[in-house]
């Protein structure tokens, strides 16, 4: 498919929009994933300390609950985004996320408040999940509707950096705190710093989002009075849209979510709790692997502009399906060799990049403009929340029941195989789609 030439002025305008939008999304991911990087510590801070395994499961489940409610946030904020505009929703979601994260840093621990502290932590985690559900689909749509057609895959791939940057920032902060503070000081008050620091980031991100302009596609719909009055109902009633929402759920978003959480979230937990790698060293190694995700994601987005979204995404699903179990088996064997651990972690990182590089563009290209926010947000958050977000918990649970971590990793492997089969038979090529219709 021939693509129109890139307009330099259009690219310059887009870079300003992308910077403002992505900064806010980075803050959302930072807030959301700081919890994940502290999951092992929360197991003893907010749950009974007499059963460490149960505490870790409870902590991972609390993290997962934030993912489970993401679809509710997607349905609520997605409808607002299709009816009232993308910009207003962006400002609301970042404010909700920032306040909830700051309050986590003020919570008393289980030793101080007992199960009341646990309940408060869970409640704030649910609020975070609702805000994140409204953020992710809308950010995908907003950037895609601004992006130049010829470079839409590469241009919008930068949004996928925000998850990696969130992991990078939260992990780096945790490693530095553990390096500078004694273990006792970190457990007593040091863990609160990342959450309290989010107040500064919140103010900066709200300022950035107030400078955003409305999506040109939404503006055109509004001026022509073609806005959907009931976006969610319209999506569910249209068979073509509903079918593509199902495809998005089972294939692209499920695959990307599984790969992201297996490579970026569970990897750190696995190295610290199963392999028994030094926590600080494990943090630095996973940090280095995460850093490599940035250029790989952009390259994969650019590849999708040249060769199409479909082949790049399917390649990532295939690589993930065949590599997860061998990679984790290898990590247990080379735990005393950080360089080899790093090289092994690069394999699932590449799989993540192949799926998520084209993902932002593809999600919006699958759906009509008037219901796009809802159609993208709901299935994407269902897959990322219910499949990707719960995968660390499911892997840990199955491993605990069977006594084999590798059997636990059969869960994401099987689902990636399913995503690959669905994508092979049903995933269309969307490169160059007109987002105004």
Protein backbone atom coordinates (compact mmCIF):
# COMPACT_ATOMS: atom_id res chain seq x y z
CA UNK A 1 0.00 0.00 0.00
CA UNK A 2 1.44 3.37 -1.06
CA UNK A 3 1.68 5.92 1.74
CA UNK A 4 1.54 9.74 1.30
CA UNK A 5 4.78 11.60 1.98
CA UNK A 6 5.43 12.87 5.48
CA UNK A 7 4.70 16.60 5.97
CA UNK A 8 7.47 18.18 8.16
CA UNK A 9 5.11 20.83 9.57
CA UNK A 10 2.56 18.15 10.45
CA UNK A 11 5.29 16.11 12.14
CA UNK A 12 6.38 19.13 14.21
CA UNK A 13 2.83 19.82 15.40
CA UNK A 14 2.39 16.18 16.25
CA UNK A 15 5.54 16.09 18.36
CA UNK A 16 4.15 18.86 20.58
CA UNK A 17 0.85 17.03 21.00
CA UNK A 18 2.59 13.70 21.67
CA UNK A 19 4.88 15.21 24.29
CA UNK A 20 2.01 16.69 26.28
CA UNK A 21 -0.19 13.59 26.00
CA UNK A 22 2.58 11.10 26.72
CA UNK A 23 3.83 12.95 29.78
CA UNK A 24 0.45 12.57 31.43
CA UNK A 25 0.23 8.92 30.46
CA UNK A 26 3.72 8.35 31.87
CA UNK A 27 2.57 9.74 35.22
CA UNK A 28 -0.44 7.40 35.15
CA UNK A 29 1.83 4.40 34.50
CA UNK A 30 4.35 5.54 37.11
CA UNK A 31 1.62 5.77 39.73
CA UNK A 32 0.04 2.49 38.69
CA UNK A 33 3.24 0.45 38.41
CA UNK A 34 4.92 1.75 41.55
CA UNK A 35 2.52 -0.57 43.33
CA UNK A 36 3.77 -3.48 41.20
CA UNK A 37 7.44 -2.83 41.97
CA UNK A 38 6.59 -2.81 45.69
CA UNK A 39 4.39 -5.93 45.59
CA UNK A 40 6.94 -8.04 47.47
CA UNK A 41 7.28 -5.39 50.20
CA UNK A 42 3.53 -4.83 50.47
CA UNK A 43 3.18 -8.53 51.23
CA UNK A 44 4.60 -7.85 54.72
CA UNK A 45 3.49 -4.23 55.12
CA UNK A 46 -0.24 -4.67 54.50
CA UNK A 47 -0.85 -8.36 55.15
CA UNK A 48 -0.16 -10.71 58.09
CA UNK A 49 3.57 -11.40 58.31
CA UNK A 50 3.24 -15.00 59.56
CA UNK A 51 2.70 -16.50 56.07
CA UNK A 52 5.00 -14.88 53.46
CA UNK A 53 3.66 -16.95 50.53
CA UNK A 54 0.04 -16.05 51.30
CA UNK A 55 1.08 -12.42 51.79
CA UNK A 56 2.69 -12.33 48.34
CA UNK A 57 -0.41 -13.86 46.78
CA UNK A 58 -2.62 -11.30 48.52
CA UNK A 59 -0.36 -8.47 47.40
CA UNK A 60 -0.36 -9.66 43.77
CA UNK A 61 -4.14 -10.10 43.94
CA UNK A 62 -4.52 -6.50 45.18
CA UNK A 63 -2.39 -5.35 42.26
CA UNK A 64 -4.57 -7.47 39.98
CA UNK A 65 -7.79 -5.95 41.33
CA UNK A 66 -6.67 -2.59 40.01
CA UNK A 67 -6.46 -4.25 36.61
CA UNK A 68 -9.83 -6.00 36.95
CA UNK A 69 -11.76 -2.73 37.36
CA UNK A 70 -10.03 -1.08 34.42
CA UNK A 71 -12.86 -2.10 32.03
CA UNK A 72 -15.37 -0.26 34.22
CA UNK A 73 -13.26 2.86 33.95
CA UNK A 74 -12.98 2.30 30.20
CA UNK A 75 -16.76 2.03 29.79
CA UNK A 76 -17.43 5.10 31.93
CA UNK A 77 -14.71 7.43 30.68
CA UNK A 78 -14.88 6.02 27.14
CA UNK A 79 -18.49 7.09 26.84
CA UNK A 80 -17.58 10.54 28.14
CA UNK A 81 -14.71 10.74 25.65
CA UNK A 82 -16.96 9.90 22.68
CA UNK A 83 -19.68 12.29 23.82
CA UNK A 84 -17.82 15.25 25.32
CA UNK A 85 -14.25 15.08 23.99
CA UNK A 86 -10.88 13.44 24.67
CA UNK A 87 -9.22 16.39 26.43
CA UNK A 88 -11.69 16.69 29.34
CA UNK A 89 -11.37 13.01 30.12
CA UNK A 90 -7.56 13.24 30.12
CA UNK A 91 -7.62 15.94 32.77
CA UNK A 92 -10.09 14.02 34.96
CA UNK A 93 -8.25 10.69 34.86
CA UNK A 94 -4.84 12.13 35.72
CA UNK A 95 -6.27 14.03 38.70
CA UNK A 96 -8.04 10.94 40.06
CA UNK A 97 -4.96 8.76 39.65
CA UNK A 98 -2.63 11.28 41.25
CA UNK A 99 -4.76 11.80 44.36
CA UNK A 100 -5.25 8.06 44.91
CA UNK A 101 -1.53 7.38 44.57
CA UNK A 102 -0.59 10.16 46.99
CA UNK A 103 -3.00 8.75 49.57
CA UNK A 104 -1.35 5.30 49.36
CA UNK A 105 1.81 6.97 50.66
CA UNK A 106 -0.08 8.15 53.75
CA UNK A 107 -1.64 4.80 54.67
CA UNK A 108 -0.90 3.11 58.00
CA UNK A 109 0.40 -0.46 57.74
CA UNK A 110 -1.24 -3.74 58.77
CA UNK A 111 0.74 -3.66 62.02
CA UNK A 112 -0.88 -0.31 62.86
CA UNK A 113 -4.44 -0.64 61.59
CA UNK A 114 -4.83 -4.34 60.88
CA UNK A 115 -7.22 -5.27 58.09
CA UNK A 116 -8.53 -1.69 57.91
CA UNK A 117 -5.20 -0.72 56.37
CA UNK A 118 -5.50 -3.59 53.90
CA UNK A 119 -9.02 -2.50 52.96
CA UNK A 120 -7.95 1.10 52.44
CA UNK A 121 -5.09 -0.05 50.21
CA UNK A 122 -7.48 -2.14 48.13
CA UNK A 123 -9.97 0.75 47.82
CA UNK A 124 -7.29 3.12 46.56
CA UNK A 125 -6.04 0.46 44.17
CA UNK A 126 -9.56 0.16 42.73
CA UNK A 127 -9.72 3.94 42.21
CA UNK A 128 -6.37 3.77 40.42
CA UNK A 129 -7.73 1.04 38.17
CA UNK A 130 -10.81 3.06 37.22
CA UNK A 131 -8.67 6.07 36.29
CA UNK A 132 -6.24 3.92 34.32
CA UNK A 133 -9.12 2.33 32.42
CA UNK A 134 -10.24 5.73 31.22
CA UNK A 135 -6.73 6.81 30.34
CA UNK A 136 -5.31 4.02 28.21
CA UNK A 137 -7.88 3.70 25.43
CA UNK A 138 -8.30 7.45 25.18
CA UNK A 139 -4.59 8.09 24.90
CA UNK A 140 -4.39 5.54 22.07
CA UNK A 141 -7.22 7.23 20.20
CA UNK A 142 -6.02 10.77 20.86
CA UNK A 143 -2.53 10.21 19.50
CA UNK A 144 -3.67 8.16 16.52
CA UNK A 145 -6.17 10.83 15.48
CA UNK A 146 -3.39 13.44 15.50
CA UNK A 147 -0.66 11.34 13.88
CA UNK A 148 0.54 11.68 10.26
CA UNK A 149 -0.85 8.79 8.19
CA UNK A 150 2.47 7.81 6.60
CA UNK A 151 4.24 7.35 9.94
CA UNK A 152 1.28 6.54 12.18
CA UNK A 153 2.80 3.29 13.46
CA UNK A 154 6.14 4.82 14.44
CA UNK A 155 4.66 8.14 15.63
CA UNK A 156 2.12 6.55 17.96
CA UNK A 157 4.50 3.85 19.21
CA UNK A 158 5.98 6.41 21.61
CA UNK A 159 2.84 6.06 23.74
CA UNK A 160 3.88 2.47 24.43
CA UNK A 161 7.11 3.80 25.94
CA UNK A 162 5.09 5.16 28.83
CA UNK A 163 4.56 1.73 30.40
CA UNK A 164 8.28 1.04 30.16
CA UNK A 165 9.14 4.51 31.44
CA UNK A 166 6.75 3.99 34.34
CA UNK A 167 8.49 0.72 35.21
CA UNK A 168 11.88 2.35 34.68
CA UNK A 169 11.15 5.32 36.94
CA UNK A 170 9.49 3.32 39.70
CA UNK A 171 12.15 0.57 39.62
CA UNK A 172 15.05 3.04 39.56
CA UNK A 173 13.56 4.96 42.45
CA UNK A 174 13.11 1.75 44.44
CA UNK A 175 16.67 0.58 43.73
CA UNK A 176 18.14 3.94 44.77
CA UNK A 177 16.08 4.02 47.97
CA UNK A 178 17.16 0.49 48.87
CA UNK A 179 20.77 1.45 48.12
CA UNK A 180 20.74 4.64 50.18
CA UNK A 181 18.52 3.55 53.08
CA UNK A 182 18.95 0.78 55.58
CA UNK A 183 16.51 -2.11 55.32
CA UNK A 184 14.79 -0.99 58.52
CA UNK A 185 14.38 2.61 57.33
CA UNK A 186 13.04 1.49 53.97
CA UNK A 187 10.42 -0.75 55.60
CA UNK A 188 9.45 1.94 58.09
CA UNK A 189 9.12 5.00 55.83
CA UNK A 190 11.24 4.76 52.67
CA UNK A 191 8.61 2.88 50.68
CA UNK A 192 6.27 5.88 51.01
CA UNK A 193 8.52 8.27 49.07
CA UNK A 194 7.51 7.16 45.52
CA UNK A 195 3.83 7.64 46.33
CA UNK A 196 4.25 11.00 48.02
CA UNK A 197 6.48 12.23 45.20
CA UNK A 198 3.56 11.67 42.82
CA UNK A 199 2.02 14.93 44.10
CA UNK A 200 4.79 16.89 42.34
CA UNK A 201 4.32 14.88 39.16
CA UNK A 202 0.55 15.37 39.34
CA UNK A 203 0.86 19.16 39.28
CA UNK A 204 3.24 19.04 36.30
CA UNK A 205 1.05 16.60 34.35
CA UNK A 206 -2.16 18.57 34.90
CA UNK A 207 -0.41 21.67 33.59
CA UNK A 208 0.74 19.72 30.51
CA UNK A 209 -2.74 18.38 29.82
CA UNK A 210 -4.42 21.75 30.17
CA UNK A 211 -2.30 22.82 27.17
CA UNK A 212 -3.69 20.04 24.96
CA UNK A 213 -6.02 20.75 22.03
CA UNK A 214 -9.01 18.60 21.20
CA UNK A 215 -8.60 15.80 18.64
CA UNK A 216 -9.29 17.08 15.09
CA UNK A 217 -11.40 14.00 14.37
CA UNK A 218 -13.63 14.66 17.40
CA UNK A 219 -13.85 18.36 16.52
CA UNK A 220 -15.04 17.48 13.01
CA UNK A 221 -17.61 15.04 14.39
CA UNK A 222 -18.88 17.64 16.83
CA UNK A 223 -19.18 20.36 14.20
CA UNK A 224 -21.09 18.05 11.87
CA UNK A 225 -23.33 16.89 14.78
CA UNK A 226 -22.43 13.22 14.27
CA UNK A 227 -21.46 12.45 17.86
CA UNK A 228 -22.75 9.20 19.35
CA UNK A 229 -25.34 9.77 22.11
CA UNK A 230 -24.99 6.23 23.48
CA UNK A 231 -21.49 5.06 22.44
CA UNK A 232 -21.41 1.82 24.44
CA UNK A 233 -24.85 0.73 23.26
CA UNK A 234 -23.94 1.61 19.67
CA UNK A 235 -20.78 -0.50 19.89
CA UNK A 236 -22.63 -3.52 21.24
CA UNK A 237 -25.41 -3.27 18.64
CA UNK A 238 -23.13 -3.00 15.60
CA UNK A 239 -22.00 -6.52 14.67
CA UNK A 240 -18.93 -5.36 12.75
CA UNK A 241 -17.71 -3.20 15.63
CA UNK A 242 -18.54 -5.88 18.20
CA UNK A 243 -16.63 -8.48 16.19
CA UNK A 244 -13.55 -6.29 16.03
CA UNK A 245 -13.83 -5.57 19.76
CA UNK A 246 -13.74 -9.35 20.33
CA UNK A 247 -10.73 -9.63 18.04
CA UNK A 248 -8.99 -6.86 19.92
CA UNK A 249 -9.73 -8.59 23.22
CA UNK A 250 -8.57 -12.08 22.29
CA UNK A 251 -5.62 -11.16 20.10
CA UNK A 252 -3.82 -7.81 20.12
CA UNK A 253 -4.56 -6.48 23.61
CA UNK A 254 -4.48 -9.85 25.34
CA UNK A 255 -1.17 -10.71 23.70
CA UNK A 256 0.39 -7.34 24.47
CA UNK A 257 -0.84 -7.40 28.06
CA UNK A 258 0.45 -10.91 28.71
CA UNK A 259 3.85 -10.17 27.23
CA UNK A 260 4.19 -6.87 29.09
CA UNK A 261 3.37 -8.29 32.49
CA UNK A 262 5.43 -11.44 31.95
CA UNK A 263 8.50 -9.48 30.90
CA UNK A 264 8.16 -6.28 32.93
CA UNK A 265 6.20 -7.14 36.09
CA UNK A 266 6.57 -10.84 36.86
CA UNK A 267 10.25 -10.99 35.85
CA UNK A 268 11.32 -8.88 38.83
CA UNK A 269 9.13 -10.89 41.22
CA UNK A 270 10.52 -14.16 39.82
CA UNK A 271 14.15 -13.09 40.15
CA UNK A 272 13.67 -11.95 43.75
CA UNK A 273 11.44 -14.71 45.12
CA UNK A 274 12.15 -17.84 43.05
CA UNK A 275 15.70 -17.40 41.81
CA UNK A 276 16.68 -15.63 45.07
CA UNK A 277 18.74 -13.07 43.19
CA UNK A 278 19.95 -10.11 45.23
CA UNK A 279 17.03 -7.61 45.13
CA UNK A 280 19.20 -4.63 44.20
CA UNK A 281 21.03 -6.55 41.47
CA UNK A 282 17.71 -7.92 40.14
CA UNK A 283 16.41 -4.36 40.00
CA UNK A 284 19.38 -3.14 37.98
CA UNK A 285 19.20 -6.05 35.52
CA UNK A 286 15.46 -5.67 34.87
CA UNK A 287 16.03 -1.92 34.59
CA UNK A 288 18.56 -2.46 31.80
CA UNK A 289 16.21 -4.82 29.93
CA UNK A 290 13.36 -2.35 30.23
CA UNK A 291 15.55 0.42 28.82
CA UNK A 292 16.02 -1.65 25.64
CA UNK A 293 12.25 -1.74 25.17
CA UNK A 294 12.17 1.91 24.04
CA UNK A 295 14.17 1.76 20.78
CA UNK A 296 12.77 -1.69 19.94
CA UNK A 297 9.17 -0.44 20.24
CA UNK A 298 9.82 2.49 17.92
CA UNK A 299 11.57 0.27 15.37
CA UNK A 300 8.68 -2.20 15.41
CA UNK A 301 6.18 0.64 14.93
CA UNK A 302 8.20 1.84 11.95
CA UNK A 303 8.31 -1.70 10.56
CA UNK A 304 4.52 -1.78 10.69
CA UNK A 305 4.41 1.42 8.61
CA UNK A 306 6.50 -0.28 5.96
CA UNK A 307 5.32 -3.91 6.02
CA UNK A 308 1.91 -3.66 7.69
CA UNK A 309 0.58 -4.01 11.22
CA UNK A 310 -0.54 -7.63 10.90
CA UNK A 311 2.80 -9.41 10.21
CA UNK A 312 4.63 -7.48 12.94
CA UNK A 313 2.01 -8.23 15.59
CA UNK A 314 1.82 -11.92 14.65
CA UNK A 315 5.61 -12.20 14.85
CA UNK A 316 5.52 -10.87 18.42
CA UNK A 317 2.80 -13.30 19.48
CA UNK A 318 4.75 -16.20 18.00
CA UNK A 319 8.02 -15.20 19.67
CA UNK A 320 6.29 -14.80 23.03
CA UNK A 321 4.48 -18.13 22.80
CA UNK A 322 7.64 -20.12 22.09
CA UNK A 323 10.04 -18.26 24.39
CA UNK A 324 8.44 -17.58 27.79
CA UNK A 325 8.98 -20.99 29.38
CA UNK A 326 12.52 -21.49 27.97
CA UNK A 327 13.53 -17.97 29.06
CA UNK A 328 12.35 -18.41 32.65
CA UNK A 329 13.89 -21.89 32.83
CA UNK A 330 17.15 -20.34 31.68
CA UNK A 331 16.97 -17.55 34.26
CA UNK A 332 17.02 -20.10 37.07
CA UNK A 333 20.18 -21.66 35.62
CA UNK A 334 22.18 -18.45 35.07
CA UNK A 335 21.06 -16.40 38.09
CA UNK A 336 24.68 -15.89 39.15
CA UNK A 337 25.57 -14.35 35.76
CA UNK A 338 23.80 -10.97 35.43
CA UNK A 339 24.84 -10.50 31.79
CA UNK A 340 23.17 -13.76 30.75
CA UNK A 341 20.08 -12.86 32.79
CA UNK A 342 19.92 -9.57 30.92
CA UNK A 343 20.30 -11.25 27.50
CA UNK A 344 17.56 -13.74 28.29
CA UNK A 345 15.21 -10.96 29.40
CA UNK A 346 15.71 -9.25 26.03
CA UNK A 347 13.82 -12.05 24.26
CA UNK A 348 10.38 -11.35 25.83
CA UNK A 349 11.18 -7.62 25.62
CA UNK A 350 11.50 -7.97 21.83
CA UNK A 351 8.19 -9.88 21.76
CA UNK A 352 6.53 -7.03 23.67
CA UNK A 353 7.93 -4.48 21.21
CA UNK A 354 6.69 -6.41 18.17
CA UNK A 355 3.12 -6.42 19.50
CA UNK A 356 2.96 -3.00 21.14
CA UNK A 357 4.94 -1.05 18.53
CA UNK A 358 2.07 -1.15 15.99
CA UNK A 359 -0.62 -1.46 18.66
CA UNK A 360 -1.56 2.20 19.24
CA UNK A 361 -2.13 2.80 15.54
CA UNK A 362 -3.89 -0.50 14.95
CA UNK A 363 -6.36 -0.11 17.80
CA UNK A 364 -7.76 3.12 16.39
CA UNK A 365 -7.63 1.91 12.79
CA UNK A 366 -9.97 -0.96 13.64
CA UNK A 367 -12.97 1.23 14.57
CA UNK A 368 -15.23 4.06 13.30
CA UNK A 369 -14.62 7.57 14.62
CA UNK A 370 -17.91 8.22 16.44
CA UNK A 371 -17.53 5.28 18.88
CA UNK A 372 -13.75 4.79 18.70
CA UNK A 373 -12.89 5.79 22.28
CA UNK A 374 -15.35 3.28 23.74
CA UNK A 375 -14.66 0.56 21.17
CA UNK A 376 -10.93 0.73 21.83
CA UNK A 377 -11.01 1.29 25.58
CA UNK A 378 -13.40 -1.44 26.72
CA UNK A 379 -11.88 -4.57 25.09
CA UNK A 380 -8.34 -3.27 25.51
CA UNK A 381 -8.79 -2.79 29.24
CA UNK A 382 -10.68 -6.06 29.59
CA UNK A 383 -7.76 -7.90 28.04
CA UNK A 384 -5.03 -5.93 29.78
CA UNK A 385 -6.84 -6.10 33.13
CA UNK A 386 -8.41 -9.54 33.25
CA UNK A 387 -5.78 -11.41 31.24
CA UNK A 388 -2.54 -9.45 31.41
CA UNK A 389 -2.98 -7.91 34.85
CA UNK A 390 -3.96 -11.13 36.57
CA UNK A 391 -1.25 -13.18 34.90
CA UNK A 392 1.39 -12.63 37.65
CA UNK A 393 -1.14 -13.80 40.24
CA UNK A 394 -2.25 -16.77 38.13
CA UNK A 395 1.33 -17.83 37.44
CA UNK A 396 2.16 -17.62 41.16
CA UNK A 397 -1.03 -19.45 42.16
CA UNK A 398 -0.55 -22.32 39.67
CA UNK A 399 3.12 -22.60 40.63
CA UNK A 400 2.16 -22.77 44.30
CA UNK A 401 -0.47 -25.45 43.70
CA UNK A 402 1.72 -27.60 41.44
CA UNK A 403 5.12 -26.89 42.93
CA UNK A 404 6.46 -25.90 39.50
CA UNK A 405 7.00 -22.34 38.34
CA UNK A 406 7.33 -23.55 34.75
CA UNK A 407 3.85 -25.09 34.92
CA UNK A 408 2.58 -21.74 36.14
CA UNK A 409 4.11 -20.12 33.07
CA UNK A 410 2.03 -22.47 30.95
CA UNK A 411 -0.88 -20.11 31.64
CA UNK A 412 0.42 -17.11 29.64
CA UNK A 413 1.95 -19.44 27.05
CA UNK A 414 -1.40 -21.10 26.33
CA UNK A 415 -3.18 -17.76 26.05
CA UNK A 416 -0.51 -16.42 23.71
CA UNK A 417 -1.00 -19.47 21.51
CA UNK A 418 -4.73 -18.72 21.44
CA UNK A 419 -4.06 -15.08 20.53
CA UNK A 420 -1.75 -16.21 17.72
CA UNK A 421 -4.36 -18.55 16.25
CA UNK A 422 -7.11 -15.92 16.43
CA UNK A 423 -4.84 -13.31 14.87
CA UNK A 424 -3.68 -15.62 12.09
CA UNK A 425 -7.23 -16.30 10.92
CA UNK A 426 -9.06 -13.06 11.68
CA UNK A 427 -6.69 -10.09 12.18
CA UNK A 428 -7.06 -7.66 9.23
CA UNK A 429 -4.42 -5.33 7.84
CA UNK A 430 -5.28 -1.76 8.90
CA UNK A 431 -2.25 0.30 7.82
CA UNK A 432 -3.28 3.59 6.21
CA UNK A 433 -6.93 3.50 7.36
CA UNK A 434 -8.83 6.82 7.24
CA UNK A 435 -9.58 7.70 10.88
CA UNK A 436 -12.11 10.40 9.98
CA UNK A 437 -14.79 7.83 9.08
